[in-house]
Amino acid sequence: MKKGIVSFFNDSKGFGFIKNSDTKQDVFVHINNVIDDIKEGNKVTYEVEMGQRGPTAVNVKIDK
């Protein structure tokens, strides 16, 4: 599991980005791949899969 912080999330459009805590790179996240409700600033854990347009965060959960 990777860790990061939600740097941007648009509820109405259902997507956003997570900044990886180690690499500082942004990873795309779609609402369909989110387990817990997330918002900007949340610390999260996630996995990465290759989507149609590049790396996508999946199994996104709030890091407790």
N, C-alpha and C. Protein backbone atom coordinates (compact mmCIF):
# COMPACT_ATOMS: atom_id res chain seq x y z
N MET A 1 0.84 -1.19 0.00
CA MET A 1 0.00 0.00 0.00
C MET A 1 0.88 1.25 0.00
N LYS A 2 0.50 2.19 -0.83
CA LYS A 2 1.20 3.48 -0.88
C LYS A 2 0.44 4.47 -0.01
N LYS A 3 1.13 5.53 0.40
CA LYS A 3 0.50 6.56 1.21
C LYS A 3 0.62 7.90 0.50
N GLY A 4 -0.38 8.75 0.71
CA GLY A 4 -0.35 10.06 0.10
C GLY A 4 -1.39 10.98 0.72
N ILE A 5 -1.48 12.17 0.14
CA ILE A 5 -2.44 13.18 0.58
C ILE A 5 -3.27 13.61 -0.62
N VAL A 6 -4.57 13.72 -0.42
CA VAL A 6 -5.46 14.17 -1.50
C VAL A 6 -5.14 15.64 -1.76
N SER A 7 -4.55 15.93 -2.92
CA SER A 7 -4.15 17.30 -3.24
C SER A 7 -5.28 18.07 -3.93
N PHE A 8 -6.20 17.34 -4.58
CA PHE A 8 -7.34 17.96 -5.26
C PHE A 8 -8.43 16.91 -5.38
N PHE A 9 -9.68 17.29 -5.13
CA PHE A 9 -10.79 16.37 -5.39
C PHE A 9 -12.04 17.17 -5.69
N ASN A 10 -12.67 16.87 -6.83
CA ASN A 10 -13.89 17.54 -7.27
C ASN A 10 -15.06 16.58 -7.08
N ASP A 11 -15.87 16.81 -6.04
CA ASP A 11 -17.00 15.93 -5.74
C ASP A 11 -18.00 15.84 -6.89
N SER A 12 -18.29 16.98 -7.51
CA SER A 12 -19.33 17.00 -8.54
C SER A 12 -18.90 16.24 -9.80
N LYS A 13 -17.60 16.24 -10.11
CA LYS A 13 -17.11 15.51 -11.29
C LYS A 13 -16.59 14.12 -10.93
N GLY A 14 -16.33 13.88 -9.64
CA GLY A 14 -15.96 12.54 -9.20
C GLY A 14 -14.52 12.13 -9.46
N PHE A 15 -13.62 13.08 -9.49
CA PHE A 15 -12.21 12.71 -9.67
C PHE A 15 -11.30 13.70 -8.96
N GLY A 16 -10.03 13.32 -8.87
CA GLY A 16 -9.05 14.20 -8.24
C GLY A 16 -7.66 13.62 -8.35
N PHE A 17 -6.77 14.08 -7.48
CA PHE A 17 -5.39 13.64 -7.49
C PHE A 17 -4.88 13.41 -6.07
N ILE A 18 -4.00 12.43 -5.94
CA ILE A 18 -3.35 12.13 -4.67
C ILE A 18 -1.85 12.35 -4.87
N LYS A 19 -1.24 13.12 -3.96
CA LYS A 19 0.21 13.33 -4.02
C LYS A 19 0.87 12.27 -3.16
N ASN A 20 1.72 11.43 -3.80
CA ASN A 20 2.42 10.36 -3.10
C ASN A 20 3.37 10.94 -2.06
N SER A 21 3.34 10.40 -0.84
CA SER A 21 4.17 10.92 0.25
C SER A 21 5.65 10.72 0.01
N ASP A 22 6.04 9.66 -0.70
CA ASP A 22 7.45 9.37 -0.95
C ASP A 22 7.98 10.07 -2.20
N THR A 23 7.31 9.87 -3.34
CA THR A 23 7.82 10.38 -4.62
C THR A 23 7.36 11.80 -4.93
N LYS A 24 6.32 12.28 -4.22
CA LYS A 24 5.71 13.61 -4.45
C LYS A 24 5.04 13.71 -5.81
N GLN A 25 4.82 12.59 -6.49
CA GLN A 25 4.14 12.60 -7.78
C GLN A 25 2.63 12.52 -7.57
N ASP A 26 1.88 13.16 -8.46
CA ASP A 26 0.42 13.11 -8.40
C ASP A 26 -0.08 11.88 -9.14
N VAL A 27 -1.09 11.23 -8.54
CA VAL A 27 -1.72 10.06 -9.14
C VAL A 27 -3.21 10.36 -9.27
N PHE A 28 -3.78 10.09 -10.43
CA PHE A 28 -5.20 10.31 -10.70
C PHE A 28 -6.04 9.37 -9.83
N VAL A 29 -7.16 9.86 -9.33
CA VAL A 29 -8.11 9.01 -8.59
C VAL A 29 -9.53 9.30 -9.06
N HIS A 30 -10.31 8.24 -9.28
CA HIS A 30 -11.72 8.37 -9.68
C HIS A 30 -12.59 7.89 -8.54
N ILE A 31 -13.75 8.50 -8.39
CA ILE A 31 -14.67 8.19 -7.29
C ILE A 31 -15.02 6.69 -7.24
N ASN A 32 -15.04 6.00 -8.37
CA ASN A 32 -15.36 4.57 -8.41
C ASN A 32 -14.30 3.73 -7.71
N ASN A 33 -13.08 4.27 -7.52
CA ASN A 33 -11.99 3.53 -6.89
C ASN A 33 -11.75 3.93 -5.44
N VAL A 34 -12.70 4.68 -4.88
CA VAL A 34 -12.57 5.19 -3.51
C VAL A 34 -13.48 4.39 -2.58
N ILE A 35 -12.92 3.90 -1.46
CA ILE A 35 -13.70 3.12 -0.50
C ILE A 35 -14.31 4.04 0.56
N ASP A 36 -13.51 4.93 1.14
CA ASP A 36 -14.00 5.90 2.12
C ASP A 36 -14.27 7.23 1.40
N ASP A 37 -15.15 8.06 1.98
CA ASP A 37 -15.35 9.41 1.44
C ASP A 37 -14.07 10.21 1.66
N ILE A 38 -13.55 10.82 0.61
CA ILE A 38 -12.31 11.60 0.73
C ILE A 38 -12.56 13.05 0.35
N LYS A 39 -11.69 13.92 0.86
CA LYS A 39 -11.71 15.32 0.48
C LYS A 39 -10.28 15.83 0.50
N GLU A 40 -10.08 17.02 -0.04
CA GLU A 40 -8.74 17.60 -0.11
C GLU A 40 -8.12 17.66 1.28
N GLY A 41 -6.85 17.27 1.36
CA GLY A 41 -6.12 17.31 2.63
C GLY A 41 -6.13 16.01 3.39
N ASN A 42 -7.00 15.05 3.01
CA ASN A 42 -7.04 13.77 3.70
C ASN A 42 -5.77 12.96 3.44
N LYS A 43 -5.26 12.29 4.49
CA LYS A 43 -4.18 11.32 4.31
C LYS A 43 -4.84 10.01 3.94
N VAL A 44 -4.33 9.37 2.89
CA VAL A 44 -4.94 8.14 2.38
C VAL A 44 -3.89 7.07 2.10
N THR A 45 -4.37 5.82 2.03
CA THR A 45 -3.56 4.71 1.53
C THR A 45 -4.23 4.25 0.24
N TYR A 46 -3.43 3.72 -0.67
CA TYR A 46 -3.98 3.31 -1.97
C TYR A 46 -3.02 2.38 -2.69
N GLU A 47 -3.52 1.77 -3.76
CA GLU A 47 -2.71 0.96 -4.66
C GLU A 47 -2.76 1.64 -6.02
N VAL A 48 -1.83 1.28 -6.90
CA VAL A 48 -1.79 1.90 -8.22
C VAL A 48 -1.98 0.83 -9.29
N GLU A 49 -2.87 1.12 -10.24
CA GLU A 49 -3.06 0.28 -11.43
C GLU A 49 -2.92 1.17 -12.64
N MET A 50 -2.53 0.59 -13.77
CA MET A 50 -2.45 1.36 -15.00
C MET A 50 -3.84 1.49 -15.59
N GLY A 51 -4.29 2.74 -15.74
CA GLY A 51 -5.59 3.01 -16.35
C GLY A 51 -5.40 3.33 -17.82
N GLN A 52 -6.46 3.79 -18.47
CA GLN A 52 -6.41 4.13 -19.89
C GLN A 52 -5.44 5.27 -20.17
N ARG A 53 -5.29 6.18 -19.21
CA ARG A 53 -4.45 7.36 -19.44
C ARG A 53 -3.24 7.41 -18.52
N GLY A 54 -2.88 6.28 -17.92
CA GLY A 54 -1.71 6.25 -17.04
C GLY A 54 -2.06 5.71 -15.67
N PRO A 55 -1.16 5.91 -14.70
CA PRO A 55 -1.38 5.37 -13.36
C PRO A 55 -2.63 5.93 -12.70
N THR A 56 -3.39 5.05 -12.06
CA THR A 56 -4.62 5.43 -11.38
C THR A 56 -4.63 4.82 -9.98
N ALA A 57 -5.01 5.61 -8.98
CA ALA A 57 -5.12 5.11 -7.61
C ALA A 57 -6.40 4.29 -7.47
N VAL A 58 -6.28 3.11 -6.83
CA VAL A 58 -7.43 2.25 -6.57
C VAL A 58 -7.42 1.83 -5.10
N ASN A 59 -8.54 1.32 -4.62
CA ASN A 59 -8.67 0.91 -3.22
C ASN A 59 -8.25 2.02 -2.26
N VAL A 60 -8.70 3.23 -2.54
CA VAL A 60 -8.33 4.40 -1.75
C VAL A 60 -9.11 4.43 -0.44
N LYS A 61 -8.37 4.50 0.67
CA LYS A 61 -8.97 4.54 2.01
C LYS A 61 -8.32 5.65 2.83
N ILE A 62 -9.08 6.19 3.78
CA ILE A 62 -8.53 7.16 4.72
C ILE A 62 -7.47 6.43 5.56
N ASP A 63 -6.29 7.05 5.72
CA ASP A 63 -5.21 6.49 6.52
C ASP A 63 -5.47 6.84 7.98
N LYS A 64 -5.78 5.82 8.78
CA LYS A 64 -6.13 6.06 10.19
C LYS A 64 -4.93 5.91 11.09
